C-alpha atoms as a PDB file:
ATOM      1  CA  UNK A   1     271.614 281.665 156.153  1.00  0.00           C
ATOM      2  CA  UNK A   2     271.747 279.674 152.589  1.00  0.00           C
ATOM      3  CA  UNK A   3     269.818 281.509 149.427  1.00  0.00           C
ATOM      4  CA  UNK A   4     267.172 278.332 149.400  1.00  0.00           C
ATOM      5  CA  UNK A   5     267.140 278.777 153.360  1.00  0.00           C
ATOM      6  CA  UNK A   6     265.940 282.689 152.854  1.00  0.00           C
ATOM      7  CA  UNK A   7     263.468 281.937 150.178  1.00  0.00           C
ATOM      8  CA  UNK A   8     262.196 279.740 152.524  1.00  0.00           C
ATOM      9  CA  UNK A   9     261.709 281.788 155.438  1.00  0.00           C
ATOM     10  CA  UNK A  10     260.182 284.457 153.295  1.00  0.00           C
ATOM     11  CA  UNK A  11     257.975 281.988 151.916  1.00  0.00           C
ATOM     12  CA  UNK A  12     256.645 280.867 155.274  1.00  0.00           C
ATOM     13  CA  UNK A  13     256.822 284.920 156.144  1.00  0.00           C
ATOM     14  CA  UNK A  14     254.652 285.582 153.287  1.00  0.00           C
ATOM     15  CA  UNK A  15     252.022 282.506 154.037  1.00  0.00           C
ATOM     16  CA  UNK A  16     251.881 283.876 157.661  1.00  0.00           C
ATOM     17  CA  UNK A  17     250.834 287.168 156.575  1.00  0.00           C
ATOM     18  CA  UNK A  18     248.640 285.896 153.944  1.00  0.00           C
ATOM     19  CA  UNK A  19     246.288 283.984 156.562  1.00  0.00           C
ATOM     20  CA  UNK A  20     246.583 286.895 159.031  1.00  0.00           C
ATOM     21  CA  UNK A  21     244.960 289.108 156.545  1.00  0.00           C
ATOM     22  CA  UNK A  22     243.214 287.485 153.821  1.00  0.00           C
ATOM     23  CA  UNK A  23     240.600 285.442 156.314  1.00  0.00           C
ATOM     24  CA  UNK A  24     237.960 286.782 158.387  1.00  0.00           C
ATOM     25  CA  UNK A  25     238.213 285.657 161.630  1.00  0.00           C
ATOM     26  CA  UNK A  26     235.308 284.058 163.116  1.00  0.00           C
ATOM     27  CA  UNK A  27     236.756 283.792 166.705  1.00  0.00           C
ATOM     28  CA  UNK A  28     235.897 286.911 168.519  1.00  0.00           C
ATOM     29  CA  UNK A  29     235.869 287.345 172.628  1.00  0.00           C
ATOM     30  CA  UNK A  30     232.451 286.334 173.760  1.00  0.00           C
ATOM     31  CA  UNK A  31     231.413 284.450 170.827  1.00  0.00           C
ATOM     32  CA  UNK A  32     234.027 281.808 169.575  1.00  0.00           C
ATOM     33  CA  UNK A  33     237.090 280.980 171.557  1.00  0.00           C
ATOM     34  CA  UNK A  34     240.342 282.970 170.372  1.00  0.00           C
ATOM     35  CA  UNK A  35     243.031 279.795 170.546  1.00  0.00           C
ATOM     36  CA  UNK A  36     245.835 282.711 169.318  1.00  0.00           C
ATOM     37  CA  UNK A  37     246.471 286.191 170.666  1.00  0.00           C
ATOM     38  CA  UNK A  38     249.140 288.271 169.179  1.00  0.00           C
ATOM     39  CA  UNK A  39     252.549 287.283 168.263  1.00  0.00           C
ATOM     40  CA  UNK A  40     252.979 284.990 171.067  1.00  0.00           C
ATOM     41  CA  UNK A  41     252.969 281.226 170.335  1.00  0.00           C
ATOM     42  CA  UNK A  42     252.465 277.865 172.297  1.00  0.00           C
ATOM     43  CA  UNK A  43     255.064 275.547 173.198  1.00  0.00           C
ATOM     44  CA  UNK A  44     255.560 272.015 174.852  1.00  0.00           C
ATOM     45  CA  UNK A  45     257.005 272.327 178.331  1.00  0.00           C
ATOM     46  CA  UNK A  46     257.969 268.301 178.186  1.00  0.00           C
ATOM     47  CA  UNK A  47     256.388 266.132 175.558  1.00  0.00           C
ATOM     48  CA  UNK A  48     257.693 263.136 173.927  1.00  0.00           C
ATOM     49  CA  UNK A  49     254.924 260.808 175.849  1.00  0.00           C
ATOM     50  CA  UNK A  50     250.938 260.410 175.665  1.00  0.00           C
ATOM     51  CA  UNK A  51     250.165 260.406 179.543  1.00  0.00           C
ATOM     52  CA  UNK A  52     247.245 257.812 180.694  1.00  0.00           C
ATOM     53  CA  UNK A  53     243.844 258.867 181.609  1.00  0.00           C
ATOM     54  CA  UNK A  54     241.888 257.486 184.631  1.00  0.00           C
ATOM     55  CA  UNK A  55     238.955 255.474 183.087  1.00  0.00           C
ATOM     56  CA  UNK A  56     240.882 254.714 179.666  1.00  0.00           C
ATOM     57  CA  UNK A  57     242.343 252.222 177.830  1.00  0.00           C
ATOM     58  CA  UNK A  58     246.660 252.969 178.057  1.00  0.00           C
ATOM     59  CA  UNK A  59     248.492 254.275 175.393  1.00  0.00           C
ATOM     60  CA  UNK A  60     251.641 252.917 174.618  1.00  0.00           C
ATOM     61  CA  UNK A  61     253.876 253.761 177.740  1.00  0.00           C
ATOM     62  CA  UNK A  62     257.622 253.343 178.393  1.00  0.00           C
ATOM     63  CA  UNK A  63     258.759 249.727 179.071  1.00  0.00           C
ATOM     64  CA  UNK A  64     259.308 250.156 182.999  1.00  0.00           C
ATOM     65  CA  UNK A  65     262.345 248.393 183.029  1.00  0.00           C
ATOM     66  CA  UNK A  66     264.179 250.769 180.258  1.00  0.00           C
ATOM     67  CA  UNK A  67     265.090 254.103 181.882  1.00  0.00           C
ATOM     68  CA  UNK A  68     264.227 257.127 180.123  1.00  0.00           C
ATOM     69  CA  UNK A  69     266.339 259.732 179.701  1.00  0.00           C
ATOM     70  CA  UNK A  70     265.799 262.963 177.163  1.00  0.00           C
ATOM     71  CA  UNK A  71     268.267 262.745 174.784  1.00  0.00           C
ATOM     72  CA  UNK A  72     270.279 260.011 176.309  1.00  0.00           C
ATOM     73  CA  UNK A  73     268.319 256.484 175.571  1.00  0.00           C
ATOM     74  CA  UNK A  74     265.407 255.640 173.206  1.00  0.00           C
ATOM     75  CA  UNK A  75     261.185 255.483 173.711  1.00  0.00           C
ATOM     76  CA  UNK A  76     261.021 251.807 174.079  1.00  0.00           C
ATOM     77  CA  UNK A  77     257.290 250.539 174.094  1.00  0.00           C
ATOM     78  CA  UNK A  78     255.839 248.121 177.229  1.00  0.00           C
ATOM     79  CA  UNK A  79     254.805 245.427 174.898  1.00  0.00           C
ATOM     80  CA  UNK A  80     252.762 244.165 178.007  1.00  0.00           C
ATOM     81  CA  UNK A  81     250.243 247.088 176.968  1.00  0.00           C
ATOM     82  CA  UNK A  82     246.921 244.843 176.831  1.00  0.00           C
ATOM     83  CA  UNK A  83     245.303 246.849 174.173  1.00  0.00           C
ATOM     84  CA  UNK A  84     247.677 246.716 171.284  1.00  0.00           C
ATOM     85  CA  UNK A  85     246.573 243.738 168.692  1.00  0.00           C
ATOM     86  CA  UNK A  86     249.009 241.162 168.211  1.00  0.00           C
ATOM     87  CA  UNK A  87     250.268 242.688 164.696  1.00  0.00           C
ATOM     88  CA  UNK A  88     250.893 246.083 166.312  1.00  0.00           C
ATOM     89  CA  UNK A  89     253.064 244.424 169.309  1.00  0.00           C
ATOM     90  CA  UNK A  90     254.980 242.330 166.572  1.00  0.00           C
ATOM     91  CA  UNK A  91     255.834 245.495 164.710  1.00  0.00           C
ATOM     92  CA  UNK A  92     256.882 247.231 168.182  1.00  0.00           C
ATOM     93  CA  UNK A  93     259.065 244.023 168.886  1.00  0.00           C
ATOM     94  CA  UNK A  94     260.805 244.114 165.367  1.00  0.00           C
ATOM     95  CA  UNK A  95     261.919 247.986 166.043  1.00  0.00           C
ATOM     96  CA  UNK A  96     263.038 247.188 169.440  1.00  0.00           C
ATOM     97  CA  UNK A  97     265.435 244.278 168.081  1.00  0.00           C
ATOM     98  CA  UNK A  98     266.487 246.462 165.687  1.00  0.00           C
ATOM     99  CA  UNK A  99     267.111 249.572 168.031  1.00  0.00           C
ATOM    100  CA  UNK A 100     268.701 246.655 170.102  1.00  0.00           C
ATOM    101  CA  UNK A 101     271.262 245.764 167.225  1.00  0.00           C
ATOM    102  CA  UNK A 102     272.204 249.562 166.918  1.00  0.00           C
ATOM    103  CA  UNK A 103     269.634 251.230 164.687  1.00  0.00           C
ATOM    104  CA  UNK A 104     268.574 255.232 165.209  1.00  0.00           C
ATOM    105  CA  UNK A 105     264.995 254.969 166.313  1.00  0.00           C
ATOM    106  CA  UNK A 106     262.717 256.363 163.285  1.00  0.00           C
ATOM    107  CA  UNK A 107     261.242 259.694 163.981  1.00  0.00           C
ATOM    108  CA  UNK A 108     259.301 261.472 161.321  1.00  0.00           C
ATOM    109  CA  UNK A 109     261.659 264.441 161.518  1.00  0.00           C
ATOM    110  CA  UNK A 110     264.947 262.036 160.844  1.00  0.00           C
ATOM    111  CA  UNK A 111     262.935 260.944 157.823  1.00  0.00           C
ATOM    112  CA  UNK A 112     261.475 264.432 156.488  1.00  0.00           C
ATOM    113  CA  UNK A 113     257.749 263.109 156.688  1.00  0.00           C
ATOM    114  CA  UNK A 114     254.816 264.503 158.248  1.00  0.00           C
ATOM    115  CA  UNK A 115     253.995 263.414 161.260  1.00  0.00           C
ATOM    116  CA  UNK A 116     250.584 262.861 161.304  1.00  0.00           C
ATOM    117  CA  UNK A 117     248.134 262.940 163.919  1.00  0.00           C
ATOM    118  CA  UNK A 118     248.002 262.757 166.868  1.00  0.00           C
ATOM    119  CA  UNK A 119     252.055 262.307 166.755  1.00  0.00           C
ATOM    120  CA  UNK A 120     251.959 266.214 165.704  1.00  0.00           C
ATOM    121  CA  UNK A 121     250.858 267.002 169.017  1.00  0.00           C
ATOM    122  CA  UNK A 122     254.140 265.901 170.833  1.00  0.00           C
ATOM    123  CA  UNK A 123     256.132 267.977 169.075  1.00  0.00           C
ATOM    124  CA  UNK A 124     258.004 270.452 171.338  1.00  0.00           C
ATOM    125  CA  UNK A 125     256.793 273.390 168.934  1.00  0.00           C
ATOM    126  CA  UNK A 126     256.413 276.294 169.307  1.00  0.00           C
ATOM    127  CA  UNK A 127     253.296 276.426 166.726  1.00  0.00           C
ATOM    128  CA  UNK A 128     250.883 279.156 165.818  1.00  0.00           C
ATOM    129  CA  UNK A 129     247.173 278.965 165.571  1.00  0.00           C
ATOM    130  CA  UNK A 130     245.661 281.037 162.480  1.00  0.00           C
ATOM    131  CA  UNK A 131     241.645 280.975 162.817  1.00  0.00           C
ATOM    132  CA  UNK A 132     239.665 281.908 160.026  1.00  0.00           C
ATOM    133  CA  UNK A 133     235.514 281.615 159.200  1.00  0.00           C
ATOM    134  CA  UNK A 134     236.116 278.493 157.336  1.00  0.00           C
ATOM    135  CA  UNK A 135     239.210 277.018 158.500  1.00  0.00           C
ATOM    136  CA  UNK A 136     241.654 277.039 160.949  1.00  0.00           C
ATOM    137  CA  UNK A 137     245.637 276.417 160.212  1.00  0.00           C
ATOM    138  CA  UNK A 138     247.797 275.072 162.920  1.00  0.00           C
ATOM    139  CA  UNK A 139     251.448 275.710 161.701  1.00  0.00           C
ATOM    140  CA  UNK A 140     254.551 273.766 163.813  1.00  0.00           C
ATOM    141  CA  UNK A 141     258.011 275.339 162.806  1.00  0.00           C
ATOM    142  CA  UNK A 142     259.428 272.096 162.039  1.00  0.00           C
ATOM    143  CA  UNK A 143     259.715 271.527 158.441  1.00  0.00           C
ATOM    144  CA  UNK A 144     256.810 273.438 158.728  1.00  0.00           C
ATOM    145  CA  UNK A 145     254.304 270.991 159.799  1.00  0.00           C
ATOM    146  CA  UNK A 146     250.988 272.856 158.473  1.00  0.00           C
ATOM    147  CA  UNK A 147     247.470 271.419 159.212  1.00  0.00           C
ATOM    148  CA  UNK A 148     244.154 272.408 157.763  1.00  0.00           C
ATOM    149  CA  UNK A 149     240.800 272.335 159.551  1.00  0.00           C
ATOM    150  CA  UNK A 150     237.987 272.814 157.581  1.00  0.00           C
ATOM    151  CA  UNK A 151     234.940 274.163 159.931  1.00  0.00           C
ATOM    152  CA  UNK A 152     231.651 273.417 159.667  1.00  0.00           C
ATOM    153  CA  UNK A 153     231.719 271.017 156.429  1.00  0.00           C
ATOM    154  CA  UNK A 154     230.914 267.103 156.934  1.00  0.00           C
ATOM    155  CA  UNK A 155     234.415 264.385 155.762  1.00  0.00           C
ATOM    156  CA  UNK A 156     234.664 263.600 152.190  1.00  0.00           C
ATOM    157  CA  UNK A 157     233.176 260.528 151.522  1.00  0.00           C
ATOM    158  CA  UNK A 158     235.435 257.697 150.888  1.00  0.00           C
ATOM    159  CA  UNK A 159     238.500 259.866 151.749  1.00  0.00           C
ATOM    160  CA  UNK A 160     241.618 258.848 149.799  1.00  0.00           C
ATOM    161  CA  UNK A 161     244.474 257.925 152.341  1.00  0.00           C
ATOM    162  CA  UNK A 162     246.955 260.862 152.896  1.00  0.00           C
ATOM    163  CA  UNK A 163     250.017 261.653 155.154  1.00  0.00           C
ATOM    164  CA  UNK A 164     248.303 264.035 157.189  1.00  0.00           C
ATOM    165  CA  UNK A 165     244.551 262.707 156.129  1.00  0.00           C
ATOM    166  CA  UNK A 166     241.143 264.764 156.512  1.00  0.00           C
ATOM    167  CA  UNK A 167     240.630 266.939 159.326  1.00  0.00           C
ATOM    168  CA  UNK A 168     237.257 268.907 159.978  1.00  0.00           C
ATOM    169  CA  UNK A 169     236.300 271.316 162.850  1.00  0.00           C
ATOM    170  CA  UNK A 170     233.558 273.137 164.767  1.00  0.00           C
ATOM    171  CA  UNK A 171     233.336 275.189 167.925  1.00  0.00           C
ATOM    172  CA  UNK A 172     231.459 273.900 170.965  1.00  0.00           C
ATOM    173  CA  UNK A 173     231.484 276.697 173.906  1.00  0.00           C
ATOM    174  CA  UNK A 174     234.716 277.369 174.447  1.00  0.00           C
ATOM    175  CA  UNK A 175     236.490 274.114 172.769  1.00  0.00           C
ATOM    176  CA  UNK A 176     237.386 273.418 168.809  1.00  0.00           C
ATOM    177  CA  UNK A 177     236.577 270.142 168.025  1.00  0.00           C
ATOM    178  CA  UNK A 178     238.922 268.562 165.450  1.00  0.00           C
ATOM    179  CA  UNK A 179     237.893 265.434 163.893  1.00  0.00           C
ATOM    180  CA  UNK A 180     240.405 263.268 161.551  1.00  0.00           C
ATOM    181  CA  UNK A 181     240.154 260.457 159.412  1.00  0.00           C
ATOM    182  CA  UNK A 182     241.728 259.211 156.177  1.00  0.00           C
ATOM    183  CA  UNK A 183     245.416 259.101 157.400  1.00  0.00           C
ATOM    184  CA  UNK A 184     247.654 256.837 155.156  1.00  0.00           C
ATOM    185  CA  UNK A 185     249.469 253.707 157.349  1.00  0.00           C
ATOM    186  CA  UNK A 186     253.033 255.274 156.645  1.00  0.00           C
ATOM    187  CA  UNK A 187     252.989 257.537 160.040  1.00  0.00           C
ATOM    188  CA  UNK A 188     253.404 256.206 163.357  1.00  0.00           C
ATOM    189  CA  UNK A 189     251.115 257.184 166.560  1.00  0.00           C
ATOM    190  CA  UNK A 190     253.622 258.405 168.917  1.00  0.00           C
ATOM    191  CA  UNK A 191     257.597 258.542 169.657  1.00  0.00           C
ATOM    192  CA  UNK A 192     257.286 254.682 170.161  1.00  0.00           C
ATOM    193  CA  UNK A 193     256.557 254.155 166.404  1.00  0.00           C
ATOM    194  CA  UNK A 194     253.486 252.315 167.262  1.00  0.00           C
ATOM    195  CA  UNK A 195     251.917 251.628 163.886  1.00  0.00           C
ATOM    196  CA  UNK A 196     248.161 252.255 162.633  1.00  0.00           C
ATOM    197  CA  UNK A 197     245.766 251.360 159.954  1.00  0.00           C
ATOM    198  CA  UNK A 198     243.889 253.556 157.475  1.00  0.00           C
ATOM    199  CA  UNK A 199     240.949 253.284 159.909  1.00  0.00           C
ATOM    200  CA  UNK A 200     242.811 255.739 162.417  1.00  0.00           C
ATOM    201  CA  UNK A 201     240.194 258.058 163.865  1.00  0.00           C
ATOM    202  CA  UNK A 202     241.662 260.953 165.850  1.00  0.00           C
ATOM    203  CA  UNK A 203     239.113 263.590 167.445  1.00  0.00           C
ATOM    204  CA  UNK A 204     240.859 266.567 169.552  1.00  0.00           C
ATOM    205  CA  UNK A 205     239.441 269.385 171.914  1.00  0.00           C
ATOM    206  CA  UNK A 206     241.282 272.190 171.878  1.00  0.00           C
ATOM    207  CA  UNK A 207     240.851 275.051 174.506  1.00  0.00           C
ATOM    208  CA  UNK A 208     242.739 277.815 176.491  1.00  0.00           C
ATOM    209  CA  UNK A 209     242.751 277.356 180.420  1.00  0.00           C
ATOM    210  CA  UNK A 210     244.652 279.310 183.076  1.00  0.00           C
ATOM    211  CA  UNK A 211     243.636 282.716 181.944  1.00  0.00           C
ATOM    212  CA  UNK A 212     244.930 282.403 178.641  1.00  0.00           C
ATOM    213  CA  UNK A 213     248.375 281.305 179.845  1.00  0.00           C
ATOM    214  CA  UNK A 214     247.588 277.428 178.814  1.00  0.00           C
ATOM    215  CA  UNK A 215     246.446 275.281 176.085  1.00  0.00           C
ATOM    216  CA  UNK A 216     245.245 271.578 176.596  1.00  0.00           C
ATOM    217  CA  UNK A 217     244.394 269.180 173.836  1.00  0.00           C
ATOM    218  CA  UNK A 218     242.222 266.548 175.043  1.00  0.00           C
ATOM    219  CA  UNK A 219     242.472 263.829 172.299  1.00  0.00           C
ATOM    220  CA  UNK A 220     240.815 260.328 171.618  1.00  0.00           C
ATOM    221  CA  UNK A 221     242.266 257.649 169.619  1.00  0.00           C
ATOM    222  CA  UNK A 222     240.490 254.625 167.592  1.00  0.00           C
ATOM    223  CA  UNK A 223     241.888 252.548 165.644  1.00  0.00           C
ATOM    224  CA  UNK A 224     240.022 249.332 165.696  1.00  0.00           C
ATOM    225  CA  UNK A 225     242.634 247.133 163.514  1.00  0.00           C
ATOM    226  CA  UNK A 226     245.297 248.397 166.102  1.00  0.00           C
ATOM    227  CA  UNK A 227     243.910 248.539 169.457  1.00  0.00           C
ATOM    228  CA  UNK A 228     241.191 246.352 171.071  1.00  0.00           C
ATOM    229  CA  UNK A 229     239.879 249.882 172.559  1.00  0.00           C
ATOM    230  CA  UNK A 230     239.755 253.661 171.786  1.00  0.00           C
ATOM    231  CA  UNK A 231     242.060 255.051 174.072  1.00  0.00           C
ATOM    232  CA  UNK A 232     242.262 258.901 175.572  1.00  0.00           C
ATOM    233  CA  UNK A 233     245.306 260.990 176.370  1.00  0.00           C
ATOM    234  CA  UNK A 234     246.181 264.749 176.187  1.00  0.00           C
ATOM    235  CA  UNK A 235     248.707 267.377 175.600  1.00  0.00           C
ATOM    236  CA  UNK A 236     249.303 270.515 177.417  1.00  0.00           C
ATOM    237  CA  UNK A 237     250.979 273.982 175.540  1.00  0.00           C
ATOM    238  CA  UNK A 238     252.304 276.979 177.621  1.00  0.00           C
ATOM    239  CA  UNK A 239     252.049 280.627 176.079  1.00  0.00           C
ATOM    240  CA  UNK A 240     255.544 281.907 174.905  1.00  0.00           C
ATOM    241  CA  UNK A 241     257.291 284.702 173.357  1.00  0.00           C
ATOM    242  CA  UNK A 242     259.826 282.466 171.476  1.00  0.00           C
ATOM    243  CA  UNK A 243     258.998 282.837 167.769  1.00  0.00           C
ATOM    244  CA  UNK A 244     258.938 280.493 164.994  1.00  0.00           C
ATOM    245  CA  UNK A 245     262.420 279.408 163.917  1.00  0.00           C
ATOM    246  CA  UNK A 246     263.520 277.832 160.723  1.00  0.00           C
ATOM    247  CA  UNK A 247     263.953 274.321 160.761  1.00  0.00           C
ATOM    248  CA  UNK A 248     264.298 271.908 157.733  1.00  0.00           C
ATOM    249  CA  UNK A 249     264.768 268.762 157.728  1.00  0.00           C
ATOM    250  CA  UNK A 250     268.768 268.156 157.405  1.00  0.00           C
ATOM    251  CA  UNK A 251     270.149 266.526 154.844  1.00  0.00           C
ATOM    252  CA  UNK A 252     272.932 264.111 154.948  1.00  0.00           C
ATOM    253  CA  UNK A 253     271.270 261.755 157.522  1.00  0.00           C
ATOM    254  CA  UNK A 254     271.977 258.705 155.338  1.00  0.00           C
ATOM    255  CA  UNK A 255     275.642 259.314 157.493  1.00  0.00           C
ATOM    256  CA  UNK A 256     274.111 257.854 160.284  1.00  0.00           C
ATOM    257  CA  UNK A 257     271.436 256.195 158.882  1.00  0.00           C
ATOM    258  CA  UNK A 258     268.760 255.238 156.237  1.00  0.00           C
ATOM    259  CA  UNK A 259     265.113 255.716 156.816  1.00  0.00           C
ATOM    260  CA  UNK A 260     264.367 256.450 153.399  1.00  0.00           C
ATOM    261  CA  UNK A 261     265.445 260.613 153.348  1.00  0.00           C
ATOM    262  CA  UNK A 262     264.806 262.241 150.093  1.00  0.00           C
ATOM    263  CA  UNK A 263     267.993 263.010 148.257  1.00  0.00           C
ATOM    264  CA  UNK A 264     268.318 265.335 145.268  1.00  0.00           C
ATOM    265  CA  UNK A 265     271.633 264.705 142.823  1.00  0.00           C
ATOM    266  CA  UNK A 266     270.871 268.006 140.830  1.00  0.00           C
ATOM    267  CA  UNK A 267     273.559 270.749 141.497  1.00  0.00           C
ATOM    268  CA  UNK A 268     271.913 273.837 142.791  1.00  0.00           C
ATOM    269  CA  UNK A 269     274.127 275.646 140.510  1.00  0.00           C
END
C-alpha cells in the first residue's frame, strides 16, 4: 500500500472512531430503530437497476431488445418509458448512440464524482450506518462516499445546489425517513444515466426486517421537469461481515476514456 493510501485508510478509520465515540446514539432498542449493530456492514446482493413497484410509474428499465449481462454488456435505457419527458429521452438517446460508437458507459466511480441520490442506493457496498442524536451518517466504501442526514430539522430555505444536496431525516416507528433536495444536475438518477433537474426530490424509508438480517429502503423519486409522474422503487441489502475496504477512484482512466477525471500533474516528491 502506498504512503498516500495508508494515510487515506487511517483518516477513514479515525473518522469512524470519532463518530462512534463522540455522538450520543439515540437509536436504542425499544425506542428508535437500530440500523447498524456491531461491526457487520450491509451489502447489495444484486444491484444495478431500480425495480418497479405495482401501482407506480415505472423507473427507467433495461431495453428489452438488449440483453443485460453483468460485467459484459451495458445498461441501455428503454426509451419507450412513457414517464420520461422529451429532453430526458433525447439525453439518453444521445448517450446510447455514443455507446454504440464504442464509448464506455458513464458511471460516477469512473469519473471520481459523487453518485448523488438515489444513485447512492444502487452501490454494491458494503456500507455502514452511524446513528447519532442529531445526525445519521451513511458511509459507502466506494471513495469513500459519505452522506450526512440531519435529524429533526427543516430544509434550509433556498438550498444551494450541490453534489449530494441536503438530506434531513426523522424516525417514524421502526423507519428512518430521509428527505433529500438541492442536488445539482451533474449527477444521474440511475445506472442508465437518466438525467434530472435541480428540482429532484427523493424520499427514502430505511428499515431493518427479517430479524435484523435485511435492510430495505423504499424510495420515491419526484422531478416534475424530468418525469411526468413521481415513481417508486426499492433496494434490499443483506447483513454481511465483509469489512469496508480501501477503495479510491483509479487514476489513468483517460487511457480508456475521458469523463473529466480529475488529474494532478504535480510530482508527489
